[in-house]
Amino acid sequence: MPTVYGAGFVIAGKFDVRLRRDDRPELIKNIGTLLASRCAMKSFQLVGLAIESFSSLFALSDGELLERNARRVFVETKTGYPCRVSLADAQIGEELLLLPFEHQPASSPYKSSGPIFVRKAAVQAHIEPGVIPDYVRTRLISVRAYDAQDLMTDATVCAGDEVAAAIQKMFANENIAYIHLHNANRGCFSCLVRRA
């Protein structure tokens, strides 16, 4: 419960909030509710794709992969190969597939697909709620919020270390059903974010 001091100041944790100078009682009474709603943290969880959807593709020849618009690649540099299953960057020398993936299969104007990387040795990520892995934190990210009708209702682009705040802000809107993260520079789907 915030403490009300004279001259219209309320101390709530380590933040000072100046109220209107007239110290109207209804403003002072409601400030606790207002501060609680503004400071509430909504929990979320990043979700990697299931490896079962991709594991059989690694047995295909390069020609068979080409027929599916996919390519086998081997990591040559430390960054630039983010796996959508493990939600981690692949290491130098690792085998991956670069393939099209329908990340928004919904029957809506936002139905779409795009290229993703999947590591051969990937294990599906199980990220703790509220955690943003380096896979996201080290990139410029497009955060896209969708409602229950699979329509995009909010979006922003931010540095990876600002993604948690963007997700929390979007999930503060009860009409947001889920969020997609995309790597902003190339536009590729990164992962699903759900409420936790």
Protein backbone atom coordinates (compact mmCIF):
# COMPACT_ATOMS: atom_id res chain seq x y z
CA MET A 1 0.00 0.00 0.00
CA PRO A 2 1.53 3.35 -0.96
CA THR A 3 2.20 5.92 1.73
CA VAL A 4 0.62 9.36 1.18
CA TYR A 5 2.67 12.34 2.29
CA GLY A 6 1.79 16.02 2.37
CA ALA A 7 2.06 18.20 -0.74
CA GLY A 8 0.57 15.44 -2.89
CA PHE A 9 3.44 12.92 -2.98
CA VAL A 10 2.98 9.17 -2.83
CA ILE A 11 5.93 6.88 -2.17
CA ALA A 12 5.51 3.41 -3.69
CA GLY A 13 8.68 1.37 -3.52
CA LYS A 14 11.44 3.55 -4.91
CA PHE A 15 9.30 5.69 -7.22
CA ASP A 16 7.84 9.10 -6.36
CA VAL A 17 4.56 9.97 -8.01
CA ARG A 18 3.25 13.55 -7.90
CA LEU A 19 -0.50 13.83 -7.58
CA ARG A 20 -2.55 16.85 -8.52
CA ARG A 21 -1.87 19.79 -6.22
CA ASP A 22 -5.43 19.91 -4.93
CA ASP A 23 -4.91 16.55 -3.10
CA ARG A 24 -8.40 15.41 -4.05
CA PRO A 25 -9.26 12.37 -1.87
CA GLU A 26 -10.57 10.30 -4.80
CA LEU A 27 -7.20 10.60 -6.54
CA ILE A 28 -5.30 9.57 -3.43
CA LYS A 29 -7.70 6.65 -2.83
CA ASN A 30 -7.25 5.25 -6.35
CA ILE A 31 -3.49 5.75 -6.73
CA GLY A 32 -2.71 2.36 -5.12
CA THR A 33 -4.85 0.54 -7.68
CA LEU A 34 -3.32 2.56 -10.50
CA LEU A 35 0.25 1.86 -9.40
CA ALA A 36 -0.46 -1.84 -8.91
CA SER A 37 -1.93 -2.17 -12.41
CA ARG A 38 0.98 -0.30 -14.00
CA CYS A 39 3.64 -2.32 -12.16
CA ALA A 40 2.06 -5.77 -12.49
CA MET A 41 4.32 -8.23 -14.30
CA LYS A 42 2.58 -10.55 -16.72
CA SER A 43 4.31 -13.92 -17.03
CA PHE A 44 5.21 -15.26 -20.45
CA GLN A 45 7.15 -18.16 -21.97
CA LEU A 46 9.12 -18.49 -25.21
CA VAL A 47 8.42 -21.75 -27.05
CA GLY A 48 10.73 -23.57 -29.45
CA LEU A 49 9.42 -25.66 -32.34
CA ALA A 50 9.12 -29.44 -31.95
CA ILE A 51 12.09 -31.32 -33.48
CA GLU A 52 9.76 -34.14 -34.59
CA SER A 53 8.51 -31.90 -37.39
CA PHE A 54 12.01 -31.73 -38.89
CA SER A 55 14.15 -34.72 -37.81
CA SER A 56 13.25 -36.97 -40.78
CA LEU A 57 14.33 -34.24 -43.23
CA PHE A 58 17.98 -34.65 -42.24
CA ALA A 59 17.99 -38.12 -43.89
CA LEU A 60 17.07 -36.62 -47.27
CA SER A 61 19.67 -36.10 -49.96
CA ASP A 62 20.64 -32.58 -50.97
CA GLY A 63 18.61 -33.05 -54.18
CA GLU A 64 15.52 -34.12 -52.21
CA LEU A 65 15.93 -31.11 -49.94
CA LEU A 66 16.11 -28.80 -52.98
CA GLU A 67 12.80 -30.24 -54.19
CA ARG A 68 11.32 -29.06 -50.87
CA ASN A 69 12.97 -25.62 -51.18
CA ALA A 70 15.35 -26.53 -48.35
CA ARG A 71 19.14 -26.51 -48.05
CA ARG A 72 21.64 -28.31 -45.84
CA VAL A 73 24.15 -25.88 -44.36
CA PHE A 74 27.12 -26.09 -42.03
CA VAL A 75 27.88 -23.31 -39.58
CA GLU A 76 30.87 -21.22 -40.60
CA THR A 77 30.61 -18.32 -38.14
CA LYS A 78 29.66 -18.01 -34.47
CA THR A 79 26.46 -16.03 -35.09
CA GLY A 80 23.86 -16.02 -37.83
CA TYR A 81 22.46 -19.54 -37.43
CA PRO A 82 19.66 -19.34 -34.83
CA CYS A 83 17.90 -22.68 -34.34
CA ARG A 84 14.12 -22.40 -33.93
CA VAL A 85 13.91 -25.68 -32.02
CA SER A 86 16.61 -25.18 -29.36
CA LEU A 87 16.30 -21.36 -29.32
CA ALA A 88 20.09 -21.20 -29.35
CA ASP A 89 22.70 -20.26 -31.93
CA ALA A 90 24.36 -23.22 -33.65
CA GLN A 91 28.07 -23.73 -33.13
CA ILE A 92 30.76 -23.70 -35.84
CA GLY A 93 30.73 -26.97 -37.79
CA GLU A 94 27.17 -27.97 -36.87
CA GLU A 95 24.77 -29.24 -39.54
CA LEU A 96 21.49 -27.40 -40.00
CA LEU A 97 18.64 -27.23 -42.43
CA LEU A 98 17.53 -23.91 -43.88
CA LEU A 99 13.93 -24.43 -44.91
CA PRO A 100 10.59 -22.64 -45.33
CA PHE A 101 8.27 -22.86 -42.34
CA GLU A 102 4.65 -21.76 -42.05
CA HIS A 103 4.84 -19.94 -38.72
CA GLN A 104 1.39 -18.37 -39.05
CA PRO A 105 -0.89 -21.11 -40.41
CA ALA A 106 -4.11 -19.40 -39.32
CA SER A 107 -6.87 -18.59 -41.77
CA SER A 108 -6.35 -14.84 -41.53
CA PRO A 109 -4.78 -12.10 -43.63
CA TYR A 110 -1.60 -12.66 -41.59
CA LYS A 111 -1.11 -16.26 -42.74
CA SER A 112 2.58 -16.49 -43.62
CA SER A 113 5.75 -18.54 -43.83
CA GLY A 114 9.43 -17.80 -43.96
CA PRO A 115 12.90 -19.33 -43.72
CA ILE A 116 14.18 -20.89 -40.50
CA PHE A 117 17.27 -22.80 -39.35
CA VAL A 118 16.98 -26.13 -37.51
CA ARG A 119 20.01 -27.86 -35.98
CA LYS A 120 20.39 -31.59 -36.61
CA ALA A 121 21.22 -32.22 -32.94
CA ALA A 122 18.53 -29.85 -31.61
CA VAL A 123 16.51 -30.60 -28.51
CA GLN A 124 13.34 -28.56 -28.05
CA ALA A 125 13.95 -25.61 -25.74
CA HIS A 126 12.17 -25.48 -22.41
CA ILE A 127 12.71 -21.87 -21.42
CA GLU A 128 11.55 -20.91 -17.92
CA PRO A 129 8.67 -18.42 -17.80
CA GLY A 130 9.83 -14.81 -17.94
CA VAL A 131 13.31 -15.69 -19.29
CA ILE A 132 14.71 -14.17 -22.48
CA PRO A 133 17.59 -16.33 -23.81
CA ASP A 134 20.72 -14.92 -25.50
CA TYR A 135 19.25 -16.19 -28.79
CA VAL A 136 16.81 -13.26 -28.51
CA ARG A 137 18.71 -10.81 -26.29
CA THR A 138 21.57 -10.40 -28.80
CA ARG A 139 19.36 -9.48 -31.76
CA LEU A 140 17.12 -6.69 -32.96
CA ILE A 141 13.63 -8.18 -32.58
CA SER A 142 10.21 -7.51 -34.08
CA VAL A 143 7.52 -8.27 -31.49
CA ARG A 144 4.10 -9.00 -33.05
CA ALA A 145 0.94 -9.49 -30.98
CA TYR A 146 -2.13 -11.38 -32.22
CA ASP A 147 -5.68 -11.65 -30.92
CA ALA A 148 -7.88 -14.77 -30.77
CA GLN A 149 -8.89 -14.25 -34.42
CA ASP A 150 -5.19 -14.39 -35.42
CA LEU A 151 -5.15 -10.71 -36.38
CA MET A 152 -2.08 -8.65 -35.55
CA THR A 153 -3.18 -5.94 -33.15
CA ASP A 154 0.16 -4.55 -31.95
CA ALA A 155 3.79 -4.61 -33.01
CA THR A 156 7.11 -3.01 -32.18
CA VAL A 157 10.79 -3.37 -33.01
CA CYS A 158 13.26 -3.25 -30.15
CA ALA A 159 16.68 -4.37 -28.97
CA GLY A 160 16.71 -7.91 -27.60
CA ASP A 161 17.31 -6.74 -24.06
CA GLU A 162 14.05 -4.75 -24.26
CA VAL A 163 11.92 -7.67 -25.47
CA ALA A 164 10.66 -8.72 -22.02
CA ALA A 165 9.24 -5.25 -21.38
CA ALA A 166 7.60 -5.20 -24.84
CA ILE A 167 6.03 -8.63 -24.24
CA GLN A 168 4.75 -7.62 -20.80
CA LYS A 169 3.27 -4.42 -22.19
CA MET A 170 1.47 -6.31 -24.97
CA PHE A 171 0.20 -9.06 -22.66
CA ALA A 172 -1.20 -6.38 -20.35
CA ASN A 173 -3.89 -6.12 -23.03
CA GLU A 174 -6.26 -9.04 -22.32
CA ASN A 175 -7.21 -9.22 -26.01
CA ILE A 176 -3.71 -10.43 -26.94
CA ALA A 177 -3.80 -14.22 -27.36
CA TYR A 178 -0.16 -14.84 -28.34
CA ILE A 179 2.96 -13.12 -29.64
CA HIS A 180 5.44 -13.97 -32.37
CA LEU A 181 9.05 -12.82 -32.26
CA HIS A 182 10.90 -12.22 -35.53
CA ASN A 183 14.52 -11.35 -36.16
CA ALA A 184 13.98 -7.79 -37.34
CA ASN A 185 16.95 -7.45 -39.69
CA ARG A 186 16.04 -10.40 -41.92
CA GLY A 187 12.41 -10.73 -40.87
CA CYS A 188 12.63 -14.45 -40.06
CA PHE A 189 10.31 -16.03 -37.51
CA SER A 190 12.10 -16.57 -34.21
CA CYS A 191 9.61 -18.15 -31.80
CA LEU A 192 6.16 -18.17 -30.26
CA VAL A 193 5.52 -16.42 -26.96
CA ARG A 194 2.58 -17.56 -24.86
CA ARG A 195 1.16 -16.51 -21.53
CA ALA A 196 2.50 -18.58 -18.65
